[in-house]
Amino acid sequence: MAVRIVTDSASDLPQDVCDDLNIEVVPLTIRFGDREYVDRKDLSTEAFWQELERSSVLPETAAPSVGAFEETFRRLADSGADGIACINLSAQLSATMQSAQLAAKALDGECAVEILDSSSASMGIGNLVLHAARRARDGADLQTIVAEVEDRRDRQHVLATLDTLEYLRKGGRIGGARALAGSMLSIKPVISVTDGVVQEAGKVRTRGKALQFIVDRIPRGKVEMISVLHAGAPDVDTFLSLVRPLVPDAEVVVGMIGPVVGVHTGPRVIGVAWIERAT
């Protein structure tokens, strides 16, 4: 049997894509006060955004348990997997990877399990998972897949613009002083995920300028794969019309940001995750 690919629900990969490529998704948990939901099982992406809009409580996320990963790994091993590559949300942002690592140790001597830090979030994880799953389908061995994912991780860039930094500030993912300054100045912040950490990439005055800021940083004709990710952004089609001419030969994937990442970005975020061509 081929190598199997596992990820967590922060990857924001559509379920039909996961089904088609035999990608296993281990869900995180979302909490709205005393209400707890298992991502993708108890709470869809659409239901999450509706709940966030009407909730007076800032939701929180919790990493999957070690047991959740171990159950998935054992099930795949028992079904004959030659090896397992598990690509996770940045270890700088979540304890998810730690759970996966502990689970992998429980299978020592039974099945080779490689745990990979995406150093990213949302479709920044998804891009790497898609490549890994396609290579697994083609029959590539575990170490080849690991090497190719690590190579693409080092060539990947993630930029996004938010309506506000308030959700990141409340969630503790970016400095409170910068969030406060941003809200006072009514700017549109642009963030990056660099080396697994959320960083401020720029400040502009309008949404249109924020989108152009991102577009200006996409290297024309030098992109292998690009994903446009958004959370109900009304201007996503406009953004796509700016992006597509820059990447005529690249695969373009469009996806919705799910609960795990959406908790920290808030609604109407829009951004890109792209992998540059190897030089």
Protein backbone atom coordinates (compact mmCIF):
# COMPACT_ATOMS: atom_id res chain seq x y z
CA MET A 1 0.00 0.00 0.00
CA ALA A 2 1.15 3.57 -0.64
CA VAL A 3 2.40 6.11 1.87
CA ARG A 4 -0.53 7.80 3.61
CA ILE A 5 -0.79 11.52 4.35
CA VAL A 6 -2.23 12.99 7.54
CA THR A 7 -2.83 16.62 8.49
CA ASP A 8 -4.88 18.60 10.97
CA SER A 9 -7.98 20.69 10.36
CA ALA A 10 -6.02 23.95 10.37
CA SER A 11 -4.99 23.03 6.82
CA ASP A 12 -8.41 24.23 5.54
CA LEU A 13 -8.47 21.64 2.76
CA PRO A 14 -11.97 21.01 1.37
CA GLN A 15 -13.35 17.62 2.35
CA ASP A 16 -13.91 16.53 -1.25
CA VAL A 17 -10.22 17.11 -1.98
CA CYS A 18 -9.24 15.09 1.10
CA ASP A 19 -11.54 12.27 0.04
CA ASP A 20 -10.18 12.23 -3.50
CA LEU A 21 -6.55 12.08 -2.36
CA ASN A 22 -7.06 9.86 0.73
CA ILE A 23 -5.87 12.58 3.09
CA GLU A 24 -6.68 11.94 6.75
CA VAL A 25 -7.61 15.04 8.76
CA VAL A 26 -7.30 15.05 12.56
CA PRO A 27 -9.57 17.81 13.89
CA LEU A 28 -8.84 20.48 16.45
CA THR A 29 -11.53 21.60 18.90
CA ILE A 30 -13.29 24.97 18.93
CA ARG A 31 -14.76 26.40 22.14
CA PHE A 32 -17.32 29.19 22.41
CA GLY A 33 -17.45 29.64 26.17
CA ASP A 34 -18.84 26.38 27.58
CA ARG A 35 -19.81 25.06 24.16
CA GLU A 36 -17.26 22.78 22.56
CA TYR A 37 -17.20 21.60 18.94
CA VAL A 38 -14.98 19.17 17.07
CA ASP A 39 -13.90 20.95 13.90
CA ARG A 40 -15.48 19.55 10.72
CA LYS A 41 -17.55 17.04 12.69
CA ASP A 42 -19.65 19.21 14.99
CA LEU A 43 -19.01 22.53 13.28
CA SER A 44 -18.80 23.30 9.57
CA THR A 45 -16.89 26.29 8.23
CA GLU A 46 -20.13 28.07 7.33
CA ALA A 47 -21.66 27.41 10.76
CA PHE A 48 -18.51 28.68 12.48
CA TRP A 49 -18.61 32.05 10.73
CA GLN A 50 -22.30 32.45 11.58
CA GLU A 51 -21.59 31.61 15.21
CA LEU A 52 -18.63 34.01 15.36
CA GLU A 53 -20.70 36.91 14.02
CA ARG A 54 -23.36 36.54 16.72
CA SER A 55 -21.19 35.42 19.63
CA SER A 56 -20.20 37.79 22.43
CA VAL A 57 -17.50 35.31 23.49
CA LEU A 58 -14.15 35.08 21.71
CA PRO A 59 -13.75 31.42 20.73
CA GLU A 60 -10.67 29.41 21.56
CA THR A 61 -8.99 26.44 19.91
CA ALA A 62 -7.50 23.29 21.43
CA ALA A 63 -5.03 20.94 19.80
CA PRO A 64 -6.04 17.35 19.06
CA SER A 65 -5.18 14.83 21.75
CA VAL A 66 -2.27 12.44 21.42
CA GLY A 67 -4.87 9.67 21.30
CA ALA A 68 -6.62 11.20 18.29
CA PHE A 69 -3.41 11.12 16.28
CA GLU A 70 -2.43 7.67 17.54
CA GLU A 71 -5.82 6.22 16.56
CA THR A 72 -5.42 7.64 13.05
CA PHE A 73 -1.84 6.40 12.67
CA ARG A 74 -2.72 2.90 13.92
CA ARG A 75 -5.73 2.63 11.65
CA LEU A 76 -3.61 3.52 8.62
CA ALA A 77 -0.80 1.19 9.69
CA ASP A 78 -3.25 -1.67 10.23
CA SER A 79 -4.68 -1.09 6.77
CA GLY A 80 -1.25 -1.64 5.25
CA ALA A 81 0.31 1.81 4.88
CA ASP A 82 3.98 1.68 3.86
CA GLY A 83 4.61 4.81 5.91
CA ILE A 84 2.84 7.92 7.15
CA ALA A 85 3.71 11.60 6.64
CA CYS A 86 1.87 13.95 8.98
CA ILE A 87 2.03 17.66 8.10
CA ASN A 88 0.85 19.98 10.86
CA LEU A 89 0.05 23.53 11.85
CA SER A 90 3.14 25.52 12.84
CA ALA A 91 4.57 24.37 16.17
CA GLN A 92 5.00 28.06 17.01
CA LEU A 93 1.22 28.55 16.90
CA SER A 94 -0.21 25.37 18.43
CA ALA A 95 0.54 22.25 20.46
CA THR A 96 -0.87 20.17 17.60
CA MET A 97 2.53 19.03 16.34
CA GLN A 98 3.59 18.00 19.83
CA SER A 99 0.55 15.72 20.07
CA ALA A 100 1.41 14.20 16.70
CA GLN A 101 5.04 13.61 17.71
CA LEU A 102 4.05 11.82 20.91
CA ALA A 103 1.56 9.68 18.98
CA ALA A 104 4.21 8.74 16.42
CA LYS A 105 6.49 7.43 19.17
CA ALA A 106 3.77 4.95 20.16
CA LEU A 107 4.18 3.32 16.73
CA ASP A 108 7.97 2.93 16.88
CA GLY A 109 8.91 -0.36 15.27
CA GLU A 110 5.43 -0.85 13.81
CA CYS A 111 5.17 1.77 11.05
CA ALA A 112 7.40 4.62 9.94
CA VAL A 113 5.72 7.93 10.83
CA GLU A 114 7.31 11.27 9.88
CA ILE A 115 5.96 14.39 11.61
CA LEU A 116 6.52 17.59 9.63
CA ASP A 117 6.13 21.15 10.83
CA SER A 118 4.55 23.15 8.02
CA SER A 119 5.79 26.38 9.64
CA SER A 120 2.51 27.75 8.32
CA ALA A 121 -1.27 27.81 8.68
CA SER A 122 -4.40 27.40 6.56
CA MET A 123 -3.61 26.72 2.90
CA GLY A 124 0.06 27.23 3.69
CA ILE A 125 -0.32 23.78 5.24
CA GLY A 126 -2.78 22.76 2.54
CA ASN A 127 -0.35 23.42 -0.33
CA LEU A 128 2.22 21.09 1.23
CA VAL A 129 -0.36 18.43 2.00
CA LEU A 130 -1.69 18.51 -1.56
CA HIS A 131 1.78 17.98 -2.98
CA ALA A 132 2.51 15.15 -0.54
CA ALA A 133 -0.79 13.38 -1.25
CA ARG A 134 -0.30 13.57 -5.01
CA ARG A 135 3.22 12.19 -4.73
CA ALA A 136 1.96 9.40 -2.47
CA ARG A 137 -0.70 8.57 -5.06
CA ASP A 138 2.05 8.39 -7.68
CA GLY A 139 3.94 5.85 -5.57
CA ALA A 140 6.73 7.99 -4.10
CA ASP A 141 8.35 6.59 -0.95
CA LEU A 142 8.17 8.24 2.46
CA GLN A 143 11.62 9.84 2.49
CA THR A 144 11.15 11.28 -0.99
CA ILE A 145 7.86 12.85 0.06
CA VAL A 146 9.40 14.25 3.25
CA ALA A 147 12.30 15.81 1.33
CA GLU A 148 10.00 17.36 -1.28
CA VAL A 149 7.66 18.79 1.36
CA GLU A 150 10.56 20.31 3.31
CA ASP A 151 11.95 21.83 0.11
CA ARG A 152 8.59 23.40 -0.78
CA ARG A 153 8.08 24.62 2.76
CA ASP A 154 11.26 26.64 2.44
CA ARG A 155 9.99 28.17 -0.83
CA GLN A 156 6.54 29.09 0.46
CA HIS A 157 5.19 32.53 1.39
CA VAL A 158 1.94 33.46 3.12
CA LEU A 159 0.41 36.95 3.18
CA ALA A 160 -3.06 38.07 4.22
CA THR A 161 -4.96 41.25 4.95
CA LEU A 162 -7.40 41.50 7.83
CA ASP A 163 -10.29 43.81 8.53
CA THR A 164 -8.83 44.23 12.01
CA LEU A 165 -6.03 42.91 14.20
CA GLU A 166 -8.45 42.65 17.12
CA TYR A 167 -8.88 38.87 16.88
CA LEU A 168 -5.12 38.27 16.72
CA ARG A 169 -4.60 40.58 19.68
CA LYS A 170 -7.25 38.90 21.81
CA GLY A 171 -5.94 35.48 20.86
CA GLY A 172 -2.39 36.45 21.81
CA ARG A 173 -0.93 35.81 18.37
CA ILE A 174 0.44 39.31 17.77
CA GLY A 175 1.56 42.20 20.00
CA GLY A 176 -1.28 44.09 21.64
CA ALA A 177 0.30 47.50 21.12
CA ARG A 178 0.41 47.08 17.37
CA ALA A 179 -3.20 45.87 17.31
CA LEU A 180 -4.30 48.89 19.33
CA ALA A 181 -2.41 51.29 17.08
CA GLY A 182 -3.94 49.67 14.04
CA SER A 183 -7.49 50.00 15.30
CA MET A 184 -6.94 53.63 16.30
CA LEU A 185 -5.56 54.55 12.90
CA SER A 186 -8.24 52.60 11.01
CA ILE A 187 -5.58 50.91 8.92
CA LYS A 188 -5.88 47.63 7.06
CA PRO A 189 -3.13 45.39 8.44
CA VAL A 190 -1.22 42.92 6.30
CA ILE A 191 0.30 39.92 8.05
CA SER A 192 2.69 37.17 7.03
CA VAL A 193 3.44 33.73 8.40
CA THR A 194 7.23 33.60 8.42
CA ASP A 195 9.22 30.77 9.99
CA GLY A 196 6.00 29.61 11.60
CA VAL A 197 5.22 32.89 13.32
CA VAL A 198 2.56 35.52 12.55
CA GLN A 199 4.25 38.82 11.78
CA GLU A 200 3.15 42.24 10.69
CA ALA A 201 4.04 42.70 7.03
CA GLY A 202 2.61 46.15 6.38
CA LYS A 203 0.02 48.80 7.16
CA VAL A 204 -2.08 50.53 4.53
CA ARG A 205 -5.09 52.81 4.68
CA THR A 206 -7.62 51.02 2.51
CA ARG A 207 -8.70 47.50 1.65
CA GLY A 208 -7.86 48.04 -2.01
CA LYS A 209 -4.33 49.13 -1.16
CA ALA A 210 -3.93 46.14 1.15
CA LEU A 211 -4.86 43.75 -1.65
CA GLN A 212 -2.49 45.52 -4.03
CA PHE A 213 0.28 45.33 -1.40
CA ILE A 214 -0.06 41.55 -1.46
CA VAL A 215 -0.33 41.30 -5.25
CA ASP A 216 2.84 43.38 -5.68
CA ARG A 217 4.80 40.76 -3.72
CA ILE A 218 3.81 37.77 -5.84
CA PRO A 219 6.69 37.13 -8.28
CA ARG A 220 5.39 37.22 -11.83
CA GLY A 221 5.83 33.92 -13.67
CA LYS A 222 7.86 32.36 -10.84
CA VAL A 223 5.13 30.56 -8.89
CA GLU A 224 4.72 26.77 -8.85
CA MET A 225 1.45 26.70 -6.88
CA ILE A 226 -0.73 29.33 -5.24
CA SER A 227 -3.78 29.21 -3.00
CA VAL A 228 -6.14 32.11 -2.42
CA LEU A 229 -7.77 31.83 0.98
CA HIS A 230 -10.58 33.92 2.38
CA ALA A 231 -13.32 34.13 4.99
CA GLY A 232 -16.41 35.30 3.19
CA ALA A 233 -14.49 38.14 1.56
CA PRO A 234 -16.83 39.98 -0.83
CA ASP A 235 -13.90 41.06 -3.00
CA VAL A 236 -12.28 37.66 -3.52
CA ASP A 237 -13.16 37.60 -7.24
CA THR A 238 -11.57 41.02 -7.70
CA PHE A 239 -8.47 39.78 -5.90
CA LEU A 240 -8.33 36.67 -8.10
CA SER A 241 -8.50 38.85 -11.22
CA LEU A 242 -5.33 40.59 -10.01
CA VAL A 243 -3.53 37.39 -9.08
CA ARG A 244 -4.19 35.13 -12.07
CA PRO A 245 -2.25 37.19 -14.67
CA LEU A 246 0.85 36.93 -12.44
CA VAL A 247 0.77 33.13 -12.31
CA PRO A 248 -0.23 31.96 -15.81
CA ASP A 249 1.46 28.56 -15.48
CA ALA A 250 0.71 27.86 -11.82
CA GLU A 251 -2.08 25.84 -10.24
CA VAL A 252 -4.50 28.21 -8.48
CA VAL A 253 -6.54 26.82 -5.57
CA VAL A 254 -9.29 28.84 -3.88
CA GLY A 255 -10.35 27.90 -0.36
CA MET A 256 -12.32 29.08 2.64
CA ILE A 257 -10.53 29.76 5.91
CA GLY A 258 -11.95 27.45 8.55
CA PRO A 259 -12.55 27.74 12.30
CA VAL A 260 -9.04 27.00 13.58
CA VAL A 261 -7.43 29.89 11.71
CA GLY A 262 -10.60 32.02 11.58
CA VAL A 263 -10.69 32.29 15.37
CA HIS A 264 -7.55 34.42 15.14
CA THR A 265 -8.14 36.32 11.90
CA GLY A 266 -11.81 37.24 12.12
CA PRO A 267 -14.14 37.51 9.12
CA ARG A 268 -13.45 38.93 5.64
CA VAL A 269 -9.75 38.10 5.72
CA ILE A 270 -8.23 37.40 2.33
CA GLY A 271 -4.76 36.23 1.41
CA VAL A 272 -2.46 33.95 -0.52
CA ALA A 273 -0.05 31.11 0.08
CA TRP A 274 2.34 30.49 -2.78
CA ILE A 275 5.29 28.24 -3.48
CA GLU A 276 7.97 29.76 -5.68
CA ARG A 277 9.51 27.71 -8.45
CA ALA A 278 12.87 26.17 -7.60
CA THR A 279 15.78 28.06 -9.14
